[in-house]
Amino acid sequence: TYTNWMFMGSAKGASIVVINENIDGEYAVVQSKIITATGKEIRVDYRLYFNGSKWMVYDILIEGVSMVSNYREQFNRVIHKSSFDDLLRVLRDKIQESKSK
């Protein structure tokens, strides 16, 4: 996945360029792009919320795909196929799996 690529070291030589930022009250969007070492550009936008003392990222869009929406769709599929308890079990298993790596 993109996240694995970023954290496993494949981002060496990449740079991040902020394109624009837009603040509307308590909400903001920061538009950026990652330029890889090979010159490929990946659009990454951050949605932020000001909680009264600091800005907090609540969603990241990679090439226009919202991580929040993506996870919501995945969660809904599990819930519709089985149950909320199964979703919790799957999430707990993934957490345990990532801790053991």
C-alpha atoms as a PDB file:
ATOM      1  CA  THR A   1       0.000   0.000   0.000  1.00  0.00           C
ATOM      2  CA  TYR A   2       0.968   3.647  -0.253  1.00  0.00           C
ATOM      3  CA  THR A   3       1.440   3.886   3.505  1.00  0.00           C
ATOM      4  CA  ASN A   4       3.742   0.874   3.502  1.00  0.00           C
ATOM      5  CA  TRP A   5       5.732   2.433   0.666  1.00  0.00           C
ATOM      6  CA  MET A   6       6.171   5.654   2.652  1.00  0.00           C
ATOM      7  CA  PHE A   7       7.229   3.990   5.888  1.00  0.00           C
ATOM      8  CA  MET A   8       9.329   1.151   4.521  1.00  0.00           C
ATOM      9  CA  GLY A   9      11.963   3.479   3.098  1.00  0.00           C
ATOM     10  CA  SER A  10      10.872   3.670  -0.532  1.00  0.00           C
ATOM     11  CA  ALA A  11      10.323   7.378  -0.016  1.00  0.00           C
ATOM     12  CA  LYS A  12      14.065   8.027   0.112  1.00  0.00           C
ATOM     13  CA  GLY A  13      14.891  10.904  -2.171  1.00  0.00           C
ATOM     14  CA  ALA A  14      11.267  12.046  -2.299  1.00  0.00           C
ATOM     15  CA  SER A  15      10.170  15.560  -1.462  1.00  0.00           C
ATOM     16  CA  ILE A  16       6.893  17.090  -0.362  1.00  0.00           C
ATOM     17  CA  VAL A  17       5.651  20.328  -1.899  1.00  0.00           C
ATOM     18  CA  VAL A  18       2.779  22.306  -0.385  1.00  0.00           C
ATOM     19  CA  ILE A  19       0.590  23.590  -3.216  1.00  0.00           C
ATOM     20  CA  ASN A  20      -2.110  25.476  -1.334  1.00  0.00           C
ATOM     21  CA  GLU A  21      -3.800  25.818   2.010  1.00  0.00           C
ATOM     22  CA  ASN A  22      -7.323  26.945   2.700  1.00  0.00           C
ATOM     23  CA  ILE A  23      -8.638  27.742   6.177  1.00  0.00           C
ATOM     24  CA  ASP A  24     -12.372  28.070   6.777  1.00  0.00           C
ATOM     25  CA  GLY A  25     -13.058  28.615  10.470  1.00  0.00           C
ATOM     26  CA  GLU A  26     -12.144  25.474  12.404  1.00  0.00           C
ATOM     27  CA  TYR A  27     -11.398  23.480   9.241  1.00  0.00           C
ATOM     28  CA  ALA A  28      -8.527  23.581   6.788  1.00  0.00           C
ATOM     29  CA  VAL A  29      -7.284  21.752   3.719  1.00  0.00           C
ATOM     30  CA  VAL A  30      -3.610  21.572   2.839  1.00  0.00           C
ATOM     31  CA  GLN A  31      -2.968  20.478  -0.730  1.00  0.00           C
ATOM     32  CA  SER A  32       0.412  18.961  -1.428  1.00  0.00           C
ATOM     33  CA  LYS A  33       2.234  16.580  -3.681  1.00  0.00           C
ATOM     34  CA  ILE A  34       4.988  14.102  -3.130  1.00  0.00           C
ATOM     35  CA  ILE A  35       7.619  14.021  -5.826  1.00  0.00           C
ATOM     36  CA  THR A  36       9.413  10.693  -5.808  1.00  0.00           C
ATOM     37  CA  ALA A  37      13.085  10.223  -6.587  1.00  0.00           C
ATOM     38  CA  THR A  38      12.023   9.130 -10.087  1.00  0.00           C
ATOM     39  CA  GLY A  39       9.966  12.295 -10.609  1.00  0.00           C
ATOM     40  CA  LYS A  40       6.527  10.748 -10.179  1.00  0.00           C
ATOM     41  CA  GLU A  41       4.041  13.154  -8.561  1.00  0.00           C
ATOM     42  CA  ILE A  42       1.498  11.878  -6.037  1.00  0.00           C
ATOM     43  CA  ARG A  43      -1.230  14.253  -4.904  1.00  0.00           C
ATOM     44  CA  VAL A  44      -1.792  14.203  -1.132  1.00  0.00           C
ATOM     45  CA  ASP A  45      -4.300  16.499   0.570  1.00  0.00           C
ATOM     46  CA  TYR A  46      -4.771  16.801   4.314  1.00  0.00           C
ATOM     47  CA  ARG A  47      -8.053  17.747   5.988  1.00  0.00           C
ATOM     48  CA  LEU A  48      -7.564  19.337   9.373  1.00  0.00           C
ATOM     49  CA  TYR A  49      -9.662  20.462  12.322  1.00  0.00           C
ATOM     50  CA  PHE A  50      -8.592  23.082  14.878  1.00  0.00           C
ATOM     51  CA  ASN A  51      -9.460  21.719  18.326  1.00  0.00           C
ATOM     52  CA  GLY A  52      -8.924  25.013  20.132  1.00  0.00           C
ATOM     53  CA  SER A  53      -5.199  24.628  20.714  1.00  0.00           C
ATOM     54  CA  LYS A  54      -3.731  22.851  17.695  1.00  0.00           C
ATOM     55  CA  TRP A  55      -4.542  21.601  14.194  1.00  0.00           C
ATOM     56  CA  MET A  56      -5.359  17.902  13.950  1.00  0.00           C
ATOM     57  CA  VAL A  57      -5.417  15.864  10.731  1.00  0.00           C
ATOM     58  CA  TYR A  58      -8.698  13.955  10.445  1.00  0.00           C
ATOM     59  CA  ASP A  59      -8.464  12.732   6.844  1.00  0.00           C
ATOM     60  CA  ILE A  60      -5.857  12.252   4.142  1.00  0.00           C
ATOM     61  CA  LEU A  61      -6.737  12.093   0.458  1.00  0.00           C
ATOM     62  CA  ILE A  62      -4.250  10.254  -1.739  1.00  0.00           C
ATOM     63  CA  GLU A  63      -4.809  10.887  -5.432  1.00  0.00           C
ATOM     64  CA  GLY A  64      -8.311  12.077  -4.507  1.00  0.00           C
ATOM     65  CA  VAL A  65      -9.218   8.984  -2.466  1.00  0.00           C
ATOM     66  CA  SER A  66     -10.218   9.705   1.125  1.00  0.00           C
ATOM     67  CA  MET A  67      -8.722   7.355   3.693  1.00  0.00           C
ATOM     68  CA  VAL A  68     -11.735   7.939   5.973  1.00  0.00           C
ATOM     69  CA  SER A  69     -14.198   7.037   3.205  1.00  0.00           C
ATOM     70  CA  ASN A  70     -12.098   4.056   2.185  1.00  0.00           C
ATOM     71  CA  TYR A  71     -12.011   2.663   5.725  1.00  0.00           C
ATOM     72  CA  ARG A  72     -15.717   3.394   6.218  1.00  0.00           C
ATOM     73  CA  GLU A  73     -16.546   1.360   3.093  1.00  0.00           C
ATOM     74  CA  GLN A  74     -14.353  -1.523   4.242  1.00  0.00           C
ATOM     75  CA  PHE A  75     -15.908  -1.480   7.716  1.00  0.00           C
ATOM     76  CA  ASN A  76     -19.429  -1.401   6.280  1.00  0.00           C
ATOM     77  CA  ARG A  77     -18.662  -4.419   4.066  1.00  0.00           C
ATOM     78  CA  VAL A  78     -17.529  -6.448   7.068  1.00  0.00           C
ATOM     79  CA  ILE A  79     -20.537  -5.356   9.138  1.00  0.00           C
ATOM     80  CA  HIS A  80     -22.999  -6.191   6.334  1.00  0.00           C
ATOM     81  CA  LYS A  81     -21.403  -9.581   5.632  1.00  0.00           C
ATOM     82  CA  SER A  82     -21.180 -10.557   9.280  1.00  0.00           C
ATOM     83  CA  SER A  83     -21.428  -8.279  12.331  1.00  0.00           C
ATOM     84  CA  PHE A  84     -19.960  -5.380  14.235  1.00  0.00           C
ATOM     85  CA  ASP A  85     -18.321  -7.879  16.603  1.00  0.00           C
ATOM     86  CA  ASP A  86     -16.562  -9.486  13.631  1.00  0.00           C
ATOM     87  CA  LEU A  87     -15.302  -6.062  12.561  1.00  0.00           C
ATOM     88  CA  LEU A  88     -13.840  -5.509  16.028  1.00  0.00           C
ATOM     89  CA  ARG A  89     -12.241  -8.960  15.937  1.00  0.00           C
ATOM     90  CA  VAL A  90     -10.659  -8.249  12.533  1.00  0.00           C
ATOM     91  CA  LEU A  91      -9.322  -4.893  13.738  1.00  0.00           C
ATOM     92  CA  ARG A  92      -7.923  -6.398  16.932  1.00  0.00           C
ATOM     93  CA  ASP A  93      -6.267  -9.189  14.933  1.00  0.00           C
ATOM     94  CA  LYS A  94      -4.647  -6.629  12.626  1.00  0.00           C
ATOM     95  CA  ILE A  95      -3.349  -4.660  15.610  1.00  0.00           C
ATOM     96  CA  GLN A  96      -1.855  -7.814  17.125  1.00  0.00           C
ATOM     97  CA  GLU A  97      -0.355  -8.765  13.766  1.00  0.00           C
ATOM     98  CA  SER A  98       1.297  -5.365  13.359  1.00  0.00           C
ATOM     99  CA  LYS A  99       2.704  -5.523  16.910  1.00  0.00           C
ATOM    100  CA  SER A 100       4.328  -8.884  16.214  1.00  0.00           C
ATOM    101  CA  LYS A 101       6.234  -7.583  13.172  1.00  0.00           C
END
